[in-house]
Protein backbone atom coordinates (compact mmCIF):
# COMPACT_ATOMS: atom_id res chain seq x y z
CA MET A 1 2.66 18.96 -29.39
CA LEU A 2 0.10 16.44 -28.10
CA ASP A 3 1.70 13.79 -30.30
CA GLU A 4 5.03 14.02 -28.45
CA PRO A 5 5.93 10.98 -26.37
CA GLN A 6 6.05 11.20 -22.60
CA LEU A 7 9.56 11.35 -21.18
CA MET A 8 10.82 9.96 -17.87
CA THR A 9 13.60 11.45 -15.79
CA MET A 10 16.54 9.53 -14.35
CA GLU A 11 14.93 9.67 -10.91
CA LYS A 12 11.68 8.16 -12.18
CA VAL A 13 13.48 5.42 -14.12
CA ALA A 14 15.68 4.57 -11.13
CA ALA A 15 12.57 4.32 -8.94
CA ILE A 16 10.88 1.97 -11.43
CA PHE A 17 13.89 -0.37 -11.30
CA SER A 18 14.35 0.13 -7.51
CA VAL A 19 17.96 1.22 -7.92
CA LYS A 20 19.97 4.41 -7.44
CA PRO A 21 20.57 6.70 -10.45
CA GLY A 22 24.24 5.70 -10.42
CA THR A 23 23.25 2.12 -11.15
CA ILE A 24 21.31 3.23 -14.23
CA THR A 25 24.36 5.22 -15.36
CA ARG A 26 26.57 2.14 -14.91
CA TRP A 27 24.12 -0.08 -16.81
CA ILE A 28 24.15 2.42 -19.70
CA ALA A 29 27.97 2.37 -19.77
CA GLU A 30 27.93 -1.45 -19.73
CA GLY A 31 25.42 -1.58 -22.59
CA LYS A 32 22.79 -3.19 -20.36
CA PHE A 33 20.29 -0.32 -20.51
CA PRO A 34 18.78 1.76 -23.32
CA GLU A 35 20.57 4.97 -24.24
CA PRO A 36 18.81 8.08 -22.95
CA ILE A 37 17.79 11.22 -24.77
CA ARG A 38 20.11 13.96 -23.58
CA GLN A 39 18.75 17.45 -22.94
CA GLY A 40 21.66 19.44 -21.59
CA HIS A 41 22.74 17.56 -18.49
CA ARG A 42 19.40 15.77 -18.14
CA LEU A 43 18.96 12.15 -19.16
CA LEU A 44 15.45 11.25 -20.32
CA TRP A 45 13.78 8.14 -21.72
CA LYS A 46 10.59 7.68 -23.70
CA ASN A 47 7.97 5.77 -21.72
CA GLU A 48 7.74 3.14 -24.46
CA THR A 49 11.54 2.61 -24.36
CA ILE A 50 11.42 1.80 -20.64
CA LYS A 51 8.34 -0.41 -21.06
CA ALA A 52 10.06 -2.33 -23.87
CA HIS A 53 13.17 -2.78 -21.73
CA LEU A 54 11.09 -4.05 -18.80
CA ASP A 55 9.30 -6.47 -21.13
CA SER A 56 12.65 -7.72 -22.48
CA LEU A 57 13.78 -8.65 -18.97
CA GLY A 58 10.94 -11.15 -18.60
CA PRO A 59 8.91 -11.86 -15.49
CA LYS A 60 10.49 -11.11 -12.15
CA THR A 61 10.86 -14.19 -9.96
CA GLU A 62 10.76 -14.11 -6.20
CA ASN A 63 13.55 -15.70 -4.18
CA LYS A 64 12.17 -18.17 -1.67
């Protein structure tokens, strides 16, 4: 049980990316976001999946 990976909810993932949950849903449909683990109606992601996706996006640049 302690070996199980931590899971993030849709709300947490949306907050990390500073978007609404609907945007995450759209990105999934467009193939631009990792597929979630589905538990009933809940969409969950492993922490390492989200970290890997963030890393794949590269550094965020500020608009000046």
